[in-house]
Amino acid sequence: MSGGSAWLVMLAALFWGLSGGVAGLLMAEGWEPFVVSLYRGAIGLGCVAVWLLLRPGESGLGNPRLWFWSAIAGIGVAGNFSFYFISIAEGSIAVAATLMYCAPVFVYLVSFLLKLERPTPVKWMAMVLVMAGITLLTRIYDIDTSGVTPLAIGAGLLSGLSYTLFIFGFRYAAPHGSPQAILTVAFSAFTAILIWPADAGQAAAVPNSPDLPLFAALGMFGAGLSFFFYITGLRRTEPAVASVVAMIEPVTAALFGVAVLSETLGGLQLVGMALILLTVTWLSVSS
């Protein structure tokens, strides 16, 4: 394992964490979640397309299976970005990022259903701990005063479920072509999907807006360079190390929300967040 590769994975997780904060700033300025998601993915598409042009070898673009599974991955990442930003808009960055980080739990559940993974009492106990963490983090037992709406909770969980779809789509596309080709097709599908729900007037106004640099940074770092760094670093990084390093994303997002957007977390919410992060990281490492 290369230490430099682990740092690339860490940098990708940092970029993803900061992207939630940048999206929060944009939505605080009145930009709707779908428009923010669209620009993040569209700019990301430009970045991975350049990667494909520079490294066109063994792309697999002539293989229909690559197109099919990459499109599935694109649907997943479209849902992941959109639901994540909706959760931020309706709740807080810390809650949204932590709920999205529950994606490995959904991977386990789908793997159980497809008989790709054998359920064990320990794994079921981990699921229970995650559910307990979600209860504490979202304060669902006191939803009227928690400041987190049911829509924020549902969207946060759906963002994790959508990320699970991306993981499976990318996994099944991987044997048929290069990562840059898969991501190019995925982000193309992503852009085609989000053109429809995004507000056309807002989308057209972005290029002439003073917020354009924030949109550019969101797409460049949150969907372009981050995926390149993550995939490049993952090739020489032990999966267990990558799983631990990935915890930087929700922690960074939460710190951004507290430091920049003046969000707050109560003591029990911090306990719930820690319970989720530690349990999900353990699940990822043990797999």
C-alpha atoms as a PDB file:
ATOM      1  CA  MET A   1       0.000   0.000   0.000  1.00  0.00           C
ATOM      2  CA  SER A   2       1.248   3.450  -0.881  1.00  0.00           C
ATOM      3  CA  GLY A   3       0.962   6.163   1.755  1.00  0.00           C
ATOM      4  CA  GLY A   4       0.541   8.688  -1.054  1.00  0.00           C
ATOM      5  CA  SER A   5      -2.453   6.740  -2.336  1.00  0.00           C
ATOM      6  CA  ALA A   6      -4.126   6.860   1.072  1.00  0.00           C
ATOM      7  CA  TRP A   7      -3.640  10.632   1.050  1.00  0.00           C
ATOM      8  CA  LEU A   8      -5.447  10.808  -2.310  1.00  0.00           C
ATOM      9  CA  VAL A   9      -8.424   8.966  -0.813  1.00  0.00           C
ATOM     10  CA  MET A  10      -8.318  11.334   2.158  1.00  0.00           C
ATOM     11  CA  LEU A  11      -8.229  14.357  -0.148  1.00  0.00           C
ATOM     12  CA  ALA A  12     -11.240  13.048  -2.077  1.00  0.00           C
ATOM     13  CA  ALA A  13     -13.202  12.577   1.163  1.00  0.00           C
ATOM     14  CA  LEU A  14     -12.226  16.094   2.241  1.00  0.00           C
ATOM     15  CA  PHE A  15     -13.459  17.529  -1.054  1.00  0.00           C
ATOM     16  CA  TRP A  16     -16.769  15.657  -0.739  1.00  0.00           C
ATOM     17  CA  GLY A  17     -17.214  16.948   2.794  1.00  0.00           C
ATOM     18  CA  LEU A  18     -16.527  20.540   1.745  1.00  0.00           C
ATOM     19  CA  SER A  19     -18.905  20.197  -1.217  1.00  0.00           C
ATOM     20  CA  GLY A  20     -21.800  19.814   1.214  1.00  0.00           C
ATOM     21  CA  GLY A  21     -20.799  23.081   2.849  1.00  0.00           C
ATOM     22  CA  VAL A  22     -20.480  24.914  -0.470  1.00  0.00           C
ATOM     23  CA  ALA A  23     -23.889  23.590  -1.504  1.00  0.00           C
ATOM     24  CA  GLY A  24     -25.284  24.846   1.804  1.00  0.00           C
ATOM     25  CA  LEU A  25     -23.927  28.326   1.070  1.00  0.00           C
ATOM     26  CA  LEU A  26     -25.462  28.313  -2.413  1.00  0.00           C
ATOM     27  CA  MET A  27     -28.859  27.167  -1.178  1.00  0.00           C
ATOM     28  CA  ALA A  28     -28.740  29.819   1.542  1.00  0.00           C
ATOM     29  CA  GLU A  29     -28.457  32.323  -1.340  1.00  0.00           C
ATOM     30  CA  GLY A  30     -31.698  30.979  -2.805  1.00  0.00           C
ATOM     31  CA  TRP A  31     -30.465  28.430  -5.347  1.00  0.00           C
ATOM     32  CA  GLU A  32     -32.670  25.341  -5.405  1.00  0.00           C
ATOM     33  CA  PRO A  33     -31.159  21.894  -4.644  1.00  0.00           C
ATOM     34  CA  PHE A  34     -31.737  20.478  -8.136  1.00  0.00           C
ATOM     35  CA  VAL A  35     -29.921  23.391  -9.801  1.00  0.00           C
ATOM     36  CA  VAL A  36     -26.976  23.032  -7.417  1.00  0.00           C
ATOM     37  CA  SER A  37     -26.909  19.257  -8.064  1.00  0.00           C
ATOM     38  CA  LEU A  38     -27.135  19.747 -11.834  1.00  0.00           C
ATOM     39  CA  TYR A  39     -24.128  22.059 -11.954  1.00  0.00           C
ATOM     40  CA  ARG A  40     -22.098  19.840  -9.643  1.00  0.00           C
ATOM     41  CA  GLY A  41     -22.659  16.854 -11.940  1.00  0.00           C
ATOM     42  CA  ALA A  42     -22.372  18.743 -15.243  1.00  0.00           C
ATOM     43  CA  ILE A  43     -19.025  20.287 -14.307  1.00  0.00           C
ATOM     44  CA  GLY A  44     -17.943  16.892 -12.993  1.00  0.00           C
ATOM     45  CA  LEU A  45     -18.864  15.444 -16.392  1.00  0.00           C
ATOM     46  CA  GLY A  46     -16.504  17.891 -18.078  1.00  0.00           C
ATOM     47  CA  CYS A  47     -13.682  16.850 -15.734  1.00  0.00           C
ATOM     48  CA  VAL A  48     -14.073  13.088 -16.223  1.00  0.00           C
ATOM     49  CA  ALA A  49     -14.522  13.570 -19.995  1.00  0.00           C
ATOM     50  CA  VAL A  50     -11.105  15.266 -20.091  1.00  0.00           C
ATOM     51  CA  TRP A  51      -9.707  12.320 -18.099  1.00  0.00           C
ATOM     52  CA  LEU A  52     -11.193   9.948 -20.702  1.00  0.00           C
ATOM     53  CA  LEU A  53      -9.701  11.948 -23.579  1.00  0.00           C
ATOM     54  CA  LEU A  54      -6.259  11.858 -21.948  1.00  0.00           C
ATOM     55  CA  ARG A  55      -6.534   8.121 -21.119  1.00  0.00           C
ATOM     56  CA  PRO A  56      -8.761   6.610 -23.850  1.00  0.00           C
ATOM     57  CA  GLY A  57      -7.226   3.125 -23.783  1.00  0.00           C
ATOM     58  CA  GLU A  58      -9.453   0.123 -22.974  1.00  0.00           C
ATOM     59  CA  SER A  59     -12.435   2.373 -22.357  1.00  0.00           C
ATOM     60  CA  GLY A  60     -14.978  -0.348 -23.112  1.00  0.00           C
ATOM     61  CA  LEU A  61     -17.352   2.169 -24.678  1.00  0.00           C
ATOM     62  CA  GLY A  62     -18.226  -0.380 -27.353  1.00  0.00           C
ATOM     63  CA  ASN A  63     -19.637  -2.737 -24.726  1.00  0.00           C
ATOM     64  CA  PRO A  64     -23.427  -2.392 -24.136  1.00  0.00           C
ATOM     65  CA  ARG A  65     -23.041  -3.748 -20.590  1.00  0.00           C
ATOM     66  CA  LEU A  66     -20.772  -0.862 -19.669  1.00  0.00           C
ATOM     67  CA  TRP A  67     -23.383   1.601 -20.905  1.00  0.00           C
ATOM     68  CA  PHE A  68     -26.198  -0.128 -19.038  1.00  0.00           C
ATOM     69  CA  TRP A  69     -24.476  -0.424 -15.667  1.00  0.00           C
ATOM     70  CA  SER A  70     -22.881   3.020 -15.985  1.00  0.00           C
ATOM     71  CA  ALA A  71     -26.331   4.513 -16.605  1.00  0.00           C
ATOM     72  CA  ILE A  72     -27.548   2.755 -13.451  1.00  0.00           C
ATOM     73  CA  ALA A  73     -24.603   4.312 -11.599  1.00  0.00           C
ATOM     74  CA  GLY A  74     -25.598   7.695 -13.055  1.00  0.00           C
ATOM     75  CA  ILE A  75     -29.143   7.329 -11.720  1.00  0.00           C
ATOM     76  CA  GLY A  76     -27.633   6.523  -8.347  1.00  0.00           C
ATOM     77  CA  VAL A  77     -25.324   9.528  -8.231  1.00  0.00           C
ATOM     78  CA  ALA A  78     -28.140  11.827  -9.442  1.00  0.00           C
ATOM     79  CA  GLY A  79     -30.291  10.677  -6.540  1.00  0.00           C
ATOM     80  CA  ASN A  80     -27.362  10.867  -4.141  1.00  0.00           C
ATOM     81  CA  PHE A  81     -26.478  14.493  -4.944  1.00  0.00           C
ATOM     82  CA  SER A  82     -30.096  15.689  -5.152  1.00  0.00           C
ATOM     83  CA  PHE A  83     -31.413  14.030  -2.002  1.00  0.00           C
ATOM     84  CA  TYR A  84     -28.283  15.070  -0.093  1.00  0.00           C
ATOM     85  CA  PHE A  85     -28.801  18.726  -0.974  1.00  0.00           C
ATOM     86  CA  ILE A  86     -32.538  18.528  -0.228  1.00  0.00           C
ATOM     87  CA  SER A  87     -31.674  17.088   3.187  1.00  0.00           C
ATOM     88  CA  ILE A  88     -29.238  19.958   3.797  1.00  0.00           C
ATOM     89  CA  ALA A  89     -31.848  22.537   2.755  1.00  0.00           C
ATOM     90  CA  GLU A  90     -34.497  20.999   5.035  1.00  0.00           C
ATOM     91  CA  GLY A  91     -32.254  20.194   7.994  1.00  0.00           C
ATOM     92  CA  SER A  92     -28.529  20.610   8.496  1.00  0.00           C
ATOM     93  CA  ILE A  93     -25.279  19.589   6.832  1.00  0.00           C
ATOM     94  CA  ALA A  94     -24.242  17.413   9.788  1.00  0.00           C
ATOM     95  CA  VAL A  95     -27.466  15.396   9.750  1.00  0.00           C
ATOM     96  CA  ALA A  96     -27.550  15.082   5.952  1.00  0.00           C
ATOM     97  CA  ALA A  97     -23.907  13.988   5.651  1.00  0.00           C
ATOM     98  CA  THR A  98     -24.168  11.447   8.462  1.00  0.00           C
ATOM     99  CA  LEU A  99     -27.370   9.926   7.097  1.00  0.00           C
ATOM    100  CA  MET A 100     -25.766   9.672   3.662  1.00  0.00           C
ATOM    101  CA  TYR A 101     -22.812   7.916   5.287  1.00  0.00           C
ATOM    102  CA  CYS A 102     -25.231   5.082   6.169  1.00  0.00           C
ATOM    103  CA  ALA A 103     -24.848   3.848   2.559  1.00  0.00           C
ATOM    104  CA  PRO A 104     -22.744   0.784   3.590  1.00  0.00           C
ATOM    105  CA  VAL A 105     -25.687  -0.362   5.710  1.00  0.00           C
ATOM    106  CA  PHE A 106     -27.892  -0.338   2.616  1.00  0.00           C
ATOM    107  CA  VAL A 107     -25.160  -2.195   0.719  1.00  0.00           C
ATOM    108  CA  TYR A 108     -25.290  -4.911   3.369  1.00  0.00           C
ATOM    109  CA  LEU A 109     -29.085  -5.119   3.259  1.00  0.00           C
ATOM    110  CA  VAL A 110     -29.114  -5.400  -0.553  1.00  0.00           C
ATOM    111  CA  SER A 111     -26.308  -7.963  -0.369  1.00  0.00           C
ATOM    112  CA  PHE A 112     -28.363  -9.974   2.128  1.00  0.00           C
ATOM    113  CA  LEU A 113     -31.377  -9.921  -0.194  1.00  0.00           C
ATOM    114  CA  LEU A 114     -29.275 -10.921  -3.224  1.00  0.00           C
ATOM    115  CA  LYS A 115     -27.444 -13.540  -1.135  1.00  0.00           C
ATOM    116  CA  LEU A 116     -24.100 -11.912  -1.886  1.00  0.00           C
ATOM    117  CA  GLU A 117     -23.376 -11.558   1.833  1.00  0.00           C
ATOM    118  CA  ARG A 118     -24.255 -13.872   4.717  1.00  0.00           C
ATOM    119  CA  PRO A 119     -26.098 -12.145   7.568  1.00  0.00           C
ATOM    120  CA  THR A 120     -24.709 -12.743  11.040  1.00  0.00           C
ATOM    121  CA  PRO A 121     -25.901 -11.728  14.529  1.00  0.00           C
ATOM    122  CA  VAL A 122     -22.984  -9.283  14.780  1.00  0.00           C
ATOM    123  CA  LYS A 123     -23.952  -7.563  11.527  1.00  0.00           C
ATOM    124  CA  TRP A 124     -27.594  -7.350  12.587  1.00  0.00           C
ATOM    125  CA  MET A 125     -26.462  -5.829  15.879  1.00  0.00           C
ATOM    126  CA  ALA A 126     -24.503  -3.256  13.888  1.00  0.00           C
ATOM    127  CA  MET A 127     -27.685  -2.403  11.990  1.00  0.00           C
ATOM    128  CA  VAL A 128     -29.503  -1.879  15.288  1.00  0.00           C
ATOM    129  CA  LEU A 129     -26.722   0.422  16.524  1.00  0.00           C
ATOM    130  CA  VAL A 130     -26.933   2.489  13.355  1.00  0.00           C
ATOM    131  CA  MET A 131     -30.700   2.818  13.763  1.00  0.00           C
ATOM    132  CA  ALA A 132     -30.182   3.922  17.373  1.00  0.00           C
ATOM    133  CA  GLY A 133     -27.627   6.475  16.151  1.00  0.00           C
ATOM    134  CA  ILE A 134     -30.063   7.800  13.549  1.00  0.00           C
ATOM    135  CA  THR A 135     -32.723   8.177  16.235  1.00  0.00           C
ATOM    136  CA  LEU A 136     -30.389  10.216  18.447  1.00  0.00           C
ATOM    137  CA  LEU A 137     -28.927  12.289  15.594  1.00  0.00           C
ATOM    138  CA  THR A 138     -32.239  13.295  14.055  1.00  0.00           C
ATOM    139  CA  ARG A 139     -34.099  13.503  17.404  1.00  0.00           C
ATOM    140  CA  ILE A 140     -36.997  11.797  15.681  1.00  0.00           C
ATOM    141  CA  TYR A 141     -38.486  11.216  19.127  1.00  0.00           C
ATOM    142  CA  ASP A 142     -38.862  15.014  19.454  1.00  0.00           C
ATOM    143  CA  ILE A 143     -39.303  16.024  15.846  1.00  0.00           C
ATOM    144  CA  ASP A 144     -41.354  19.152  16.658  1.00  0.00           C
ATOM    145  CA  THR A 145     -38.418  20.897  18.352  1.00  0.00           C
ATOM    146  CA  SER A 146     -35.431  19.186  16.732  1.00  0.00           C
ATOM    147  CA  GLY A 147     -35.222  21.564  13.762  1.00  0.00           C
ATOM    148  CA  VAL A 148     -34.893  18.533  11.451  1.00  0.00           C
ATOM    149  CA  THR A 149     -37.950  17.936   9.281  1.00  0.00           C
ATOM    150  CA  PRO A 150     -39.203  14.479   8.230  1.00  0.00           C
ATOM    151  CA  LEU A 151     -38.289  15.466   4.665  1.00  0.00           C
ATOM    152  CA  ALA A 152     -34.693  16.112   5.763  1.00  0.00           C
ATOM    153  CA  ILE A 153     -34.497  12.666   7.383  1.00  0.00           C
ATOM    154  CA  GLY A 154     -36.112  10.885   4.449  1.00  0.00           C
ATOM    155  CA  ALA A 155     -33.977  12.706   1.875  1.00  0.00           C
ATOM    156  CA  GLY A 156     -30.798  11.992   3.857  1.00  0.00           C
ATOM    157  CA  LEU A 157     -31.561   8.274   3.966  1.00  0.00           C
ATOM    158  CA  LEU A 158     -32.536   8.276   0.283  1.00  0.00           C
ATOM    159  CA  SER A 159     -29.198   9.906  -0.548  1.00  0.00           C
ATOM    160  CA  GLY A 160     -27.464   6.952   1.118  1.00  0.00           C
ATOM    161  CA  LEU A 161     -29.733   4.490  -0.688  1.00  0.00           C
ATOM    162  CA  SER A 162     -29.007   6.232  -4.002  1.00  0.00           C
ATOM    163  CA  TYR A 163     -25.282   6.024  -3.302  1.00  0.00           C
ATOM    164  CA  THR A 164     -25.777   2.285  -2.807  1.00  0.00           C
ATOM    165  CA  LEU A 165     -27.248   2.129  -6.325  1.00  0.00           C
ATOM    166  CA  PHE A 166     -24.184   3.981  -7.625  1.00  0.00           C
ATOM    167  CA  ILE A 167     -21.872   1.503  -5.859  1.00  0.00           C
ATOM    168  CA  PHE A 168     -23.581  -1.528  -7.399  1.00  0.00           C
ATOM    169  CA  GLY A 169     -23.797   0.092 -10.842  1.00  0.00           C
ATOM    170  CA  PHE A 170     -20.111   1.012 -10.789  1.00  0.00           C
ATOM    171  CA  ARG A 171     -19.187  -2.418  -9.458  1.00  0.00           C
ATOM    172  CA  TYR A 172     -20.935  -4.261 -12.294  1.00  0.00           C
ATOM    173  CA  ALA A 173     -19.678  -1.819 -14.943  1.00  0.00           C
ATOM    174  CA  ALA A 174     -16.046  -2.040 -13.785  1.00  0.00           C
ATOM    175  CA  PRO A 175     -15.180  -5.362 -15.524  1.00  0.00           C
ATOM    176  CA  HIS A 176     -16.283  -3.951 -18.879  1.00  0.00           C
ATOM    177  CA  GLY A 177     -14.217  -0.747 -19.154  1.00  0.00           C
ATOM    178  CA  SER A 178     -12.122   1.965 -17.575  1.00  0.00           C
ATOM    179  CA  PRO A 179     -13.242   4.062 -14.583  1.00  0.00           C
ATOM    180  CA  GLN A 180     -13.070   7.270 -16.618  1.00  0.00           C
ATOM    181  CA  ALA A 181     -15.371   5.797 -19.271  1.00  0.00           C
ATOM    182  CA  ILE A 182     -17.831   4.557 -16.642  1.00  0.00           C
ATOM    183  CA  LEU A 183     -17.908   7.945 -14.914  1.00  0.00           C
ATOM    184  CA  THR A 184     -18.324   9.794 -18.227  1.00  0.00           C
ATOM    185  CA  VAL A 185     -21.387   7.725 -19.110  1.00  0.00           C
ATOM    186  CA  ALA A 186     -22.682   7.948 -15.522  1.00  0.00           C
ATOM    187  CA  PHE A 187     -22.397  11.731 -15.351  1.00  0.00           C
ATOM    188  CA  SER A 188     -23.935  12.039 -18.823  1.00  0.00           C
ATOM    189  CA  ALA A 189     -26.965  10.098 -17.582  1.00  0.00           C
ATOM    190  CA  PHE A 190     -26.916  12.218 -14.426  1.00  0.00           C
ATOM    191  CA  THR A 191     -27.044  15.473 -16.416  1.00  0.00           C
ATOM    192  CA  ALA A 192     -29.820  14.209 -18.687  1.00  0.00           C
ATOM    193  CA  ILE A 193     -31.909  13.224 -15.649  1.00  0.00           C
ATOM    194  CA  LEU A 194     -31.510  16.442 -13.642  1.00  0.00           C
ATOM    195  CA  ILE A 195     -32.214  18.808 -16.543  1.00  0.00           C
ATOM    196  CA  TRP A 196     -35.914  18.021 -16.050  1.00  0.00           C
ATOM    197  CA  PRO A 197     -36.516  18.800 -12.333  1.00  0.00           C
ATOM    198  CA  ALA A 198     -34.064  21.741 -12.204  1.00  0.00           C
ATOM    199  CA  ASP A 199     -35.579  25.209 -12.464  1.00  0.00           C
ATOM    200  CA  ALA A 200     -34.779  26.360 -16.007  1.00  0.00           C
ATOM    201  CA  GLY A 201     -34.686  30.048 -15.098  1.00  0.00           C
ATOM    202  CA  GLN A 202     -32.256  29.535 -12.234  1.00  0.00           C
ATOM    203  CA  ALA A 203     -30.089  27.169 -14.281  1.00  0.00           C
ATOM    204  CA  ALA A 204     -29.820  29.734 -17.073  1.00  0.00           C
ATOM    205  CA  ALA A 205     -28.943  32.485 -14.590  1.00  0.00           C
ATOM    206  CA  VAL A 206     -25.921  30.701 -13.079  1.00  0.00           C
ATOM    207  CA  PRO A 207     -23.299  31.720 -15.722  1.00  0.00           C
ATOM    208  CA  ASN A 208     -23.993  35.430 -15.126  1.00  0.00           C
ATOM    209  CA  SER A 209     -24.327  35.106 -11.362  1.00  0.00           C
ATOM    210  CA  PRO A 210     -21.710  36.276  -8.829  1.00  0.00           C
ATOM    211  CA  ASP A 211     -22.052  32.782  -7.332  1.00  0.00           C
ATOM    212  CA  LEU A 212     -20.552  31.164 -10.456  1.00  0.00           C
ATOM    213  CA  PRO A 213     -17.133  30.616  -8.761  1.00  0.00           C
ATOM    214  CA  LEU A 214     -18.867  28.639  -5.996  1.00  0.00           C
ATOM    215  CA  PHE A 215     -20.671  26.503  -8.580  1.00  0.00           C
ATOM    216  CA  ALA A 216     -17.376  25.938 -10.406  1.00  0.00           C
ATOM    217  CA  ALA A 217     -15.614  24.940  -7.195  1.00  0.00           C
ATOM    218  CA  LEU A 218     -18.477  22.607  -6.265  1.00  0.00           C
ATOM    219  CA  GLY A 219     -18.316  20.787  -9.597  1.00  0.00           C
ATOM    220  CA  MET A 220     -14.539  20.775  -9.934  1.00  0.00           C
ATOM    221  CA  PHE A 221     -13.761  19.546  -6.434  1.00  0.00           C
ATOM    222  CA  GLY A 222     -17.021  17.823  -5.479  1.00  0.00           C
ATOM    223  CA  ALA A 223     -17.497  15.724  -8.609  1.00  0.00           C
ATOM    224  CA  GLY A 224     -14.416  16.030 -10.848  1.00  0.00           C
ATOM    225  CA  LEU A 225     -11.096  15.932  -9.032  1.00  0.00           C
ATOM    226  CA  SER A 226     -12.558  14.077  -6.041  1.00  0.00           C
ATOM    227  CA  PHE A 227     -13.585  11.052  -8.115  1.00  0.00           C
ATOM    228  CA  PHE A 228     -10.230  11.039  -9.906  1.00  0.00           C
ATOM    229  CA  PHE A 229      -8.329  11.189  -6.600  1.00  0.00           C
ATOM    230  CA  TYR A 230     -10.537   8.568  -4.969  1.00  0.00           C
ATOM    231  CA  ILE A 231     -10.308   6.000  -7.769  1.00  0.00           C
ATOM    232  CA  THR A 232      -6.590   6.606  -8.301  1.00  0.00           C
ATOM    233  CA  GLY A 233      -5.865   6.341  -4.579  1.00  0.00           C
ATOM    234  CA  LEU A 234      -8.107   3.316  -4.070  1.00  0.00           C
ATOM    235  CA  ARG A 235      -6.030   1.229  -6.462  1.00  0.00           C
ATOM    236  CA  ARG A 236      -3.134   1.143  -3.978  1.00  0.00           C
ATOM    237  CA  THR A 237      -4.973   1.605  -0.703  1.00  0.00           C
ATOM    238  CA  GLU A 238      -6.224  -1.228   1.484  1.00  0.00           C
ATOM    239  CA  PRO A 239     -10.053  -1.223   1.591  1.00  0.00           C
ATOM    240  CA  ALA A 240      -9.998  -1.086   5.414  1.00  0.00           C
ATOM    241  CA  VAL A 241      -7.833   2.033   5.342  1.00  0.00           C
ATOM    242  CA  ALA A 242     -10.038   3.652   2.691  1.00  0.00           C
ATOM    243  CA  SER A 243     -13.139   2.945   4.794  1.00  0.00           C
ATOM    244  CA  VAL A 244     -11.660   4.665   7.833  1.00  0.00           C
ATOM    245  CA  VAL A 245     -10.380   7.600   5.789  1.00  0.00           C
ATOM    246  CA  ALA A 246     -13.820   8.070   4.205  1.00  0.00           C
ATOM    247  CA  MET A 247     -15.150   9.123   7.626  1.00  0.00           C
ATOM    248  CA  ILE A 248     -13.451  12.467   6.928  1.00  0.00           C
ATOM    249  CA  GLU A 249     -16.357  13.397   4.629  1.00  0.00           C
ATOM    250  CA  PRO A 250     -19.216  13.619   7.172  1.00  0.00           C
ATOM    251  CA  VAL A 251     -16.920  15.020   9.861  1.00  0.00           C
ATOM    252  CA  THR A 252     -15.693  17.771   7.515  1.00  0.00           C
ATOM    253  CA  ALA A 253     -19.247  18.556   6.419  1.00  0.00           C
ATOM    254  CA  ALA A 254     -20.423  18.767  10.039  1.00  0.00           C
ATOM    255  CA  LEU A 255     -17.538  21.049  11.055  1.00  0.00           C
ATOM    256  CA  PHE A 256     -18.237  23.306   8.048  1.00  0.00           C
ATOM    257  CA  GLY A 257     -21.887  23.583   9.069  1.00  0.00           C
ATOM    258  CA  VAL A 258     -20.980  24.525  12.632  1.00  0.00           C
ATOM    259  CA  ALA A 259     -18.127  26.919  11.775  1.00  0.00           C
ATOM    260  CA  VAL A 260     -19.520  28.662   8.683  1.00  0.00           C
ATOM    261  CA  LEU A 261     -23.298  28.232   8.730  1.00  0.00           C
ATOM    262  CA  SER A 262     -23.708  28.507  12.525  1.00  0.00           C
ATOM    263  CA  GLU A 263     -25.427  25.134  12.828  1.00  0.00           C
ATOM    264  CA  THR A 264     -25.574  23.480  16.249  1.00  0.00           C
ATOM    265  CA  LEU A 265     -25.651  19.901  17.514  1.00  0.00           C
ATOM    266  CA  GLY A 266     -26.836  18.818  20.955  1.00  0.00           C
ATOM    267  CA  GLY A 267     -25.027  16.326  23.159  1.00  0.00           C
ATOM    268  CA  LEU A 268     -27.256  13.361  22.241  1.00  0.00           C
ATOM    269  CA  GLN A 269     -26.987  14.274  18.568  1.00  0.00           C
ATOM    270  CA  LEU A 270     -23.191  14.128  18.821  1.00  0.00           C
ATOM    271  CA  VAL A 271     -23.487  10.715  20.500  1.00  0.00           C
ATOM    272  CA  GLY A 272     -25.757   9.533  17.686  1.00  0.00           C
ATOM    273  CA  MET A 273     -23.379  10.868  15.044  1.00  0.00           C
ATOM    274  CA  ALA A 274     -20.411   9.112  16.663  1.00  0.00           C
ATOM    275  CA  LEU A 275     -22.404   5.874  16.962  1.00  0.00           C
ATOM    276  CA  ILE A 276     -23.269   5.923  13.270  1.00  0.00           C
ATOM    277  CA  LEU A 277     -19.778   6.848  12.049  1.00  0.00           C
ATOM    278  CA  LEU A 278     -17.978   4.299  14.205  1.00  0.00           C
ATOM    279  CA  THR A 279     -20.427   1.459  13.460  1.00  0.00           C
ATOM    280  CA  VAL A 280     -20.544   2.074   9.707  1.00  0.00           C
ATOM    281  CA  THR A 281     -16.759   2.389   9.555  1.00  0.00           C
ATOM    282  CA  TRP A 282     -16.442  -0.898  11.442  1.00  0.00           C
ATOM    283  CA  LEU A 283     -18.868  -2.563   9.011  1.00  0.00           C
ATOM    284  CA  SER A 284     -16.861  -1.293   6.041  1.00  0.00           C
ATOM    285  CA  VAL A 285     -13.534  -2.377   7.524  1.00  0.00           C
ATOM    286  CA  SER A 286     -14.784  -5.818   8.506  1.00  0.00           C
ATOM    287  CA  SER A 287     -16.095  -6.436   4.976  1.00  0.00           C
END
